[in-house]
Amino acid sequence: MTVKFSKEHEWINTADTAAAVVGITVHAQDALGDVVFVDLPEVGATFSQGDVAGVVESVKAAADVYMPVTGEIVEVNEALRADPSLANSDPLNAGWFFKVKLADVAQLDALMDETAYTAFAANA
């Protein structure tokens, strides 16, 4: 499994190069608290790296979900829309947000690996 992390606390799993999976990190969901609503992007929408692609709302706050890479949304997690608490209970698996077709694989090089992200999140 190839997972990279953004400074905005999103993860991207590129194990399936046709459709990389994106979600929020354990650190992000811990900071947000109980997630009560997610606004997911539309399938077919395209975003540039760093664009706001969705919103996650919790009992504490609302936060933007940023696009870790440029690409086209090819699938959204309807289970998450129906049960937003999946972002808390299983943020790295069942709580994924959307799948994206990468426009530029080289953008992954600017993201952090797990070791670098863990150090970054410890100071966030």
N, C-alpha and C. Protein backbone atom coordinates (compact mmCIF):
# COMPACT_ATOMS: atom_id res chain seq x y z
N MET A 1 0.85 -1.18 0.00
CA MET A 1 0.00 0.00 0.00
C MET A 1 0.89 1.24 0.00
N THR A 2 0.64 2.14 -0.92
CA THR A 2 1.41 3.36 -1.02
C THR A 2 0.53 4.51 -0.54
N VAL A 3 0.82 5.01 0.66
CA VAL A 3 0.03 6.10 1.22
C VAL A 3 0.94 7.30 1.43
N LYS A 4 0.45 8.47 1.02
CA LYS A 4 1.15 9.73 1.22
C LYS A 4 0.21 10.65 1.99
N PHE A 5 0.76 11.69 2.59
CA PHE A 5 0.00 12.59 3.44
C PHE A 5 0.28 14.04 3.07
N SER A 6 -0.75 14.89 3.20
CA SER A 6 -0.60 16.32 2.92
C SER A 6 -0.48 17.10 4.23
N LYS A 7 0.01 18.32 4.12
CA LYS A 7 0.10 19.20 5.30
C LYS A 7 -1.28 19.63 5.78
N GLU A 8 -2.30 19.42 4.96
CA GLU A 8 -3.67 19.76 5.33
C GLU A 8 -4.38 18.56 5.98
N HIS A 9 -3.62 17.49 6.23
CA HIS A 9 -4.11 16.30 6.94
C HIS A 9 -5.06 15.42 6.13
N GLU A 10 -4.79 15.33 4.82
CA GLU A 10 -5.44 14.34 3.98
C GLU A 10 -4.43 13.24 3.69
N TRP A 11 -4.94 12.04 3.44
CA TRP A 11 -4.09 10.94 2.97
C TRP A 11 -4.55 10.53 1.59
N ILE A 12 -3.63 9.95 0.82
CA ILE A 12 -3.96 9.43 -0.51
C ILE A 12 -3.26 8.10 -0.67
N ASN A 13 -4.04 7.09 -1.02
CA ASN A 13 -3.53 5.74 -1.22
C ASN A 13 -3.50 5.50 -2.73
N THR A 14 -2.30 5.30 -3.25
CA THR A 14 -2.13 5.13 -4.69
C THR A 14 -1.88 3.69 -5.09
N ALA A 15 -2.30 2.73 -4.27
CA ALA A 15 -2.13 1.32 -4.60
C ALA A 15 -2.83 0.99 -5.92
N ASP A 16 -3.99 1.59 -6.16
CA ASP A 16 -4.71 1.45 -7.43
C ASP A 16 -4.41 2.69 -8.25
N THR A 17 -3.50 2.59 -9.20
CA THR A 17 -3.08 3.77 -9.95
C THR A 17 -4.18 4.35 -10.82
N ALA A 18 -5.23 3.59 -11.11
CA ALA A 18 -6.34 4.10 -11.91
C ALA A 18 -7.25 5.02 -11.09
N ALA A 19 -7.31 4.78 -9.78
CA ALA A 19 -8.19 5.58 -8.92
C ALA A 19 -7.62 5.60 -7.50
N ALA A 20 -6.85 6.62 -7.20
CA ALA A 20 -6.26 6.77 -5.87
C ALA A 20 -7.37 7.14 -4.87
N VAL A 21 -7.27 6.64 -3.67
CA VAL A 21 -8.28 6.86 -2.63
C VAL A 21 -7.81 7.97 -1.70
N VAL A 22 -8.73 8.90 -1.34
CA VAL A 22 -8.40 10.05 -0.50
C VAL A 22 -9.31 10.08 0.72
N GLY A 23 -8.75 10.46 1.85
CA GLY A 23 -9.52 10.63 3.07
C GLY A 23 -8.80 11.56 4.03
N ILE A 24 -9.37 11.73 5.22
CA ILE A 24 -8.71 12.56 6.23
C ILE A 24 -7.95 11.65 7.19
N THR A 25 -6.91 12.21 7.79
CA THR A 25 -6.05 11.42 8.66
C THR A 25 -6.65 11.23 10.05
N VAL A 26 -6.05 10.31 10.79
CA VAL A 26 -6.44 10.09 12.18
C VAL A 26 -6.27 11.39 12.97
N HIS A 27 -5.18 12.11 12.71
CA HIS A 27 -4.95 13.38 13.40
C HIS A 27 -6.09 14.37 13.12
N ALA A 28 -6.52 14.45 11.86
CA ALA A 28 -7.60 15.38 11.49
C ALA A 28 -8.90 15.01 12.19
N GLN A 29 -9.26 13.75 12.18
CA GLN A 29 -10.53 13.37 12.81
C GLN A 29 -10.46 13.52 14.32
N ASP A 30 -9.27 13.31 14.91
CA ASP A 30 -9.10 13.56 16.36
C ASP A 30 -9.34 15.03 16.68
N ALA A 31 -8.79 15.91 15.84
CA ALA A 31 -8.93 17.35 16.07
C ALA A 31 -10.37 17.81 15.87
N LEU A 32 -11.06 17.21 14.92
CA LEU A 32 -12.45 17.60 14.64
C LEU A 32 -13.43 17.10 15.69
N GLY A 33 -13.20 15.93 16.22
CA GLY A 33 -14.18 15.32 17.11
C GLY A 33 -15.20 14.56 16.29
N ASP A 34 -16.37 14.34 16.86
CA ASP A 34 -17.39 13.51 16.21
C ASP A 34 -17.89 14.14 14.92
N VAL A 35 -17.63 13.48 13.80
CA VAL A 35 -18.05 13.96 12.49
C VAL A 35 -19.55 13.69 12.33
N VAL A 36 -20.30 14.73 11.93
CA VAL A 36 -21.75 14.60 11.79
C VAL A 36 -22.25 14.80 10.36
N PHE A 37 -21.38 15.33 9.47
CA PHE A 37 -21.80 15.59 8.10
C PHE A 37 -20.57 15.70 7.21
N VAL A 38 -20.69 15.18 5.99
CA VAL A 38 -19.64 15.37 4.98
C VAL A 38 -20.28 15.85 3.69
N ASP A 39 -19.65 16.80 3.06
CA ASP A 39 -20.06 17.30 1.75
C ASP A 39 -19.01 16.79 0.77
N LEU A 40 -19.39 15.82 -0.04
CA LEU A 40 -18.46 15.19 -0.97
C LEU A 40 -18.57 15.85 -2.34
N PRO A 41 -17.48 15.82 -3.12
CA PRO A 41 -17.52 16.41 -4.46
C PRO A 41 -18.37 15.56 -5.41
N GLU A 42 -18.70 16.14 -6.54
CA GLU A 42 -19.46 15.43 -7.57
C GLU A 42 -18.52 14.56 -8.40
N VAL A 43 -18.96 13.35 -8.73
CA VAL A 43 -18.21 12.51 -9.65
C VAL A 43 -18.09 13.24 -10.99
N GLY A 44 -16.89 13.24 -11.54
CA GLY A 44 -16.63 13.94 -12.80
C GLY A 44 -16.03 15.31 -12.62
N ALA A 45 -16.11 15.86 -11.40
CA ALA A 45 -15.52 17.17 -11.13
C ALA A 45 -13.99 17.05 -11.14
N THR A 46 -13.33 18.10 -11.61
CA THR A 46 -11.87 18.12 -11.59
C THR A 46 -11.40 19.22 -10.66
N PHE A 47 -10.31 18.94 -9.97
CA PHE A 47 -9.73 19.87 -9.01
C PHE A 47 -8.23 19.92 -9.20
N SER A 48 -7.67 21.07 -8.88
CA SER A 48 -6.22 21.22 -8.85
C SER A 48 -5.71 20.90 -7.46
N GLN A 49 -4.45 20.54 -7.37
CA GLN A 49 -3.85 20.27 -6.07
C GLN A 49 -4.03 21.48 -5.18
N GLY A 50 -4.53 21.26 -3.96
CA GLY A 50 -4.75 22.34 -3.00
C GLY A 50 -6.14 22.93 -3.02
N ASP A 51 -6.94 22.60 -4.04
CA ASP A 51 -8.33 23.09 -4.09
C ASP A 51 -9.17 22.44 -2.99
N VAL A 52 -10.20 23.15 -2.56
CA VAL A 52 -11.16 22.58 -1.63
C VAL A 52 -12.07 21.64 -2.42
N ALA A 53 -12.10 20.36 -2.01
CA ALA A 53 -12.89 19.37 -2.73
C ALA A 53 -14.11 18.91 -1.93
N GLY A 54 -14.19 19.31 -0.68
CA GLY A 54 -15.31 18.91 0.16
C GLY A 54 -15.23 19.58 1.51
N VAL A 55 -16.19 19.26 2.35
CA VAL A 55 -16.25 19.82 3.70
C VAL A 55 -16.63 18.71 4.65
N VAL A 56 -16.02 18.73 5.83
CA VAL A 56 -16.39 17.80 6.88
C VAL A 56 -16.81 18.63 8.09
N GLU A 57 -17.96 18.30 8.65
CA GLU A 57 -18.47 19.03 9.81
C GLU A 57 -18.53 18.10 11.00
N SER A 58 -18.14 18.64 12.15
CA SER A 58 -18.19 17.87 13.38
C SER A 58 -18.96 18.66 14.43
N VAL A 59 -19.09 18.08 15.61
CA VAL A 59 -19.76 18.79 16.69
C VAL A 59 -18.96 20.00 17.12
N LYS A 60 -17.65 20.03 16.81
CA LYS A 60 -16.77 21.14 17.20
C LYS A 60 -16.63 22.21 16.13
N ALA A 61 -16.50 21.78 14.87
CA ALA A 61 -16.12 22.73 13.82
C ALA A 61 -16.42 22.15 12.44
N ALA A 62 -16.24 22.99 11.44
CA ALA A 62 -16.27 22.55 10.05
C ALA A 62 -14.88 22.76 9.47
N ALA A 63 -14.48 21.87 8.59
CA ALA A 63 -13.16 21.98 7.98
C ALA A 63 -13.25 21.61 6.51
N ASP A 64 -12.44 22.28 5.72
CA ASP A 64 -12.36 21.96 4.30
C ASP A 64 -11.54 20.69 4.10
N VAL A 65 -11.88 19.95 3.06
CA VAL A 65 -11.10 18.80 2.63
C VAL A 65 -10.40 19.23 1.34
N TYR A 66 -9.08 19.21 1.37
CA TYR A 66 -8.29 19.71 0.25
C TYR A 66 -7.85 18.57 -0.66
N MET A 67 -7.73 18.88 -1.92
CA MET A 67 -7.27 17.92 -2.92
C MET A 67 -5.75 17.77 -2.79
N PRO A 68 -5.26 16.57 -2.47
CA PRO A 68 -3.82 16.40 -2.33
C PRO A 68 -3.08 16.38 -3.67
N VAL A 69 -3.80 16.13 -4.76
CA VAL A 69 -3.23 16.09 -6.11
C VAL A 69 -4.26 16.62 -7.10
N THR A 70 -3.81 16.99 -8.26
CA THR A 70 -4.71 17.39 -9.34
C THR A 70 -5.33 16.15 -9.95
N GLY A 71 -6.64 16.20 -10.18
CA GLY A 71 -7.28 15.05 -10.82
C GLY A 71 -8.78 15.17 -10.90
N GLU A 72 -9.38 14.10 -11.40
CA GLU A 72 -10.83 14.01 -11.61
C GLU A 72 -11.43 13.03 -10.60
N ILE A 73 -12.51 13.44 -9.97
CA ILE A 73 -13.22 12.57 -9.04
C ILE A 73 -13.91 11.47 -9.84
N VAL A 74 -13.61 10.21 -9.49
CA VAL A 74 -14.21 9.09 -10.21
C VAL A 74 -15.21 8.31 -9.36
N GLU A 75 -15.16 8.53 -8.04
CA GLU A 75 -16.11 7.85 -7.15
C GLU A 75 -16.11 8.58 -5.81
N VAL A 76 -17.26 8.59 -5.15
CA VAL A 76 -17.35 9.12 -3.78
C VAL A 76 -17.87 8.01 -2.87
N ASN A 77 -17.59 8.13 -1.61
CA ASN A 77 -17.98 7.12 -0.63
C ASN A 77 -19.39 7.40 -0.13
N GLU A 78 -20.37 6.79 -0.77
CA GLU A 78 -21.77 6.99 -0.38
C GLU A 78 -22.03 6.49 1.04
N ALA A 79 -21.30 5.47 1.47
CA ALA A 79 -21.45 4.97 2.84
C ALA A 79 -21.08 6.05 3.85
N LEU A 80 -20.10 6.87 3.52
CA LEU A 80 -19.69 7.97 4.40
C LEU A 80 -20.76 9.05 4.45
N ARG A 81 -21.39 9.30 3.32
CA ARG A 81 -22.48 10.28 3.28
C ARG A 81 -23.62 9.81 4.19
N ALA A 82 -23.91 8.51 4.15
CA ALA A 82 -24.99 7.94 4.96
C ALA A 82 -24.60 7.83 6.44
N ASP A 83 -23.31 7.59 6.72
CA ASP A 83 -22.83 7.40 8.09
C ASP A 83 -21.51 8.15 8.27
N PRO A 84 -21.57 9.48 8.48
CA PRO A 84 -20.36 10.30 8.60
C PRO A 84 -19.42 9.84 9.71
N SER A 85 -19.93 9.10 10.70
CA SER A 85 -19.08 8.66 11.80
C SER A 85 -17.99 7.69 11.34
N LEU A 86 -18.10 7.16 10.12
CA LEU A 86 -17.03 6.30 9.58
C LEU A 86 -15.71 7.07 9.49
N ALA A 87 -15.79 8.39 9.33
CA ALA A 87 -14.57 9.21 9.29
C ALA A 87 -13.84 9.17 10.63
N ASN A 88 -14.58 8.91 11.72
CA ASN A 88 -13.98 8.78 13.05
C ASN A 88 -13.57 7.34 13.34
N SER A 89 -14.46 6.42 13.08
CA SER A 89 -14.23 5.03 13.50
C SER A 89 -13.22 4.31 12.62
N ASP A 90 -13.09 4.69 11.36
CA ASP A 90 -12.18 4.01 10.44
C ASP A 90 -11.67 4.97 9.37
N PRO A 91 -10.97 6.04 9.77
CA PRO A 91 -10.60 7.09 8.82
C PRO A 91 -9.68 6.64 7.68
N LEU A 92 -8.91 5.59 7.89
CA LEU A 92 -7.95 5.15 6.87
C LEU A 92 -8.47 4.02 5.99
N ASN A 93 -9.70 3.58 6.23
CA ASN A 93 -10.26 2.49 5.42
C ASN A 93 -11.70 2.82 5.02
N ALA A 94 -12.67 2.36 5.79
CA ALA A 94 -14.08 2.55 5.44
C ALA A 94 -14.49 4.02 5.41
N GLY A 95 -13.74 4.89 6.08
CA GLY A 95 -14.07 6.31 6.13
C GLY A 95 -13.44 7.15 5.03
N TRP A 96 -13.02 6.51 3.94
CA TRP A 96 -12.45 7.27 2.81
C TRP A 96 -13.49 8.22 2.24
N PHE A 97 -13.04 9.29 1.58
CA PHE A 97 -13.94 10.32 1.06
C PHE A 97 -14.24 10.15 -0.43
N PHE A 98 -13.19 10.05 -1.24
CA PHE A 98 -13.40 9.95 -2.69
C PHE A 98 -12.20 9.30 -3.36
N LYS A 99 -12.42 8.90 -4.61
CA LYS A 99 -11.35 8.36 -5.44
C LYS A 99 -11.09 9.34 -6.57
N VAL A 100 -9.83 9.46 -6.92
CA VAL A 100 -9.42 10.45 -7.92
C VAL A 100 -8.50 9.81 -8.97
N LYS A 101 -8.74 10.19 -10.22
CA LYS A 101 -7.85 9.81 -11.31
C LYS A 101 -6.77 10.89 -11.38
N LEU A 102 -5.54 10.49 -11.11
CA LEU A 102 -4.44 11.44 -11.05
C LEU A 102 -4.13 12.06 -12.40
N ALA A 103 -3.93 13.37 -12.42
CA ALA A 103 -3.54 14.06 -13.64
C ALA A 103 -2.02 14.13 -13.76
N ASP A 104 -1.30 14.14 -12.61
CA ASP A 104 0.15 14.29 -12.61
C ASP A 104 0.73 13.50 -11.45
N VAL A 105 1.17 12.29 -11.72
CA VAL A 105 1.70 11.41 -10.68
C VAL A 105 2.88 12.05 -9.96
N ALA A 106 3.63 12.91 -10.62
CA ALA A 106 4.79 13.56 -10.01
C ALA A 106 4.41 14.40 -8.79
N GLN A 107 3.15 14.85 -8.70
CA GLN A 107 2.72 15.64 -7.54
C GLN A 107 2.81 14.84 -6.24
N LEU A 108 2.77 13.53 -6.33
CA LEU A 108 2.89 12.70 -5.14
C LEU A 108 4.24 12.89 -4.44
N ASP A 109 5.25 13.27 -5.20
CA ASP A 109 6.58 13.45 -4.64
C ASP A 109 6.63 14.57 -3.61
N ALA A 110 5.72 15.53 -3.70
CA ALA A 110 5.70 16.66 -2.77
C ALA A 110 4.98 16.32 -1.46
N LEU A 111 4.32 15.16 -1.42
CA LEU A 111 3.59 14.75 -0.22
C LEU A 111 4.51 13.98 0.72
N MET A 112 4.09 13.84 1.98
CA MET A 112 4.91 13.19 2.99
C MET A 112 4.62 11.69 3.08
N ASP A 113 5.65 10.93 3.43
CA ASP A 113 5.42 9.53 3.76
C ASP A 113 4.95 9.46 5.22
N GLU A 114 4.64 8.27 5.70
CA GLU A 114 4.06 8.14 7.04
C GLU A 114 4.99 8.65 8.14
N THR A 115 6.28 8.39 8.03
CA THR A 115 7.24 8.84 9.04
C THR A 115 7.28 10.37 9.11
N ALA A 116 7.37 11.00 7.95
CA ALA A 116 7.43 12.47 7.90
C ALA A 116 6.12 13.07 8.40
N TYR A 117 4.98 12.47 8.01
CA TYR A 117 3.69 13.00 8.45
C TYR A 117 3.51 12.85 9.96
N THR A 118 3.93 11.73 10.52
CA THR A 118 3.81 11.53 11.96
C THR A 118 4.57 12.61 12.72
N ALA A 119 5.77 12.93 12.25
CA ALA A 119 6.56 14.01 12.87
C ALA A 119 5.87 15.35 12.69
N PHE A 120 5.34 15.60 11.49
CA PHE A 120 4.64 16.85 11.20
C PHE A 120 3.40 17.00 12.09
N ALA A 121 2.61 15.94 12.19
CA ALA A 121 1.36 15.99 12.96
C ALA A 121 1.64 16.17 14.45
N ALA A 122 2.74 15.66 14.93
CA ALA A 122 3.09 15.79 16.34
C ALA A 122 3.32 17.25 16.73
N ASN A 123 3.70 18.06 15.73
CA ASN A 123 3.96 19.48 15.97
C ASN A 123 2.83 20.38 15.50
N ALA A 124 1.76 19.78 14.97
CA ALA A 124 0.64 20.57 14.41
C ALA A 124 -0.30 21.04 15.51
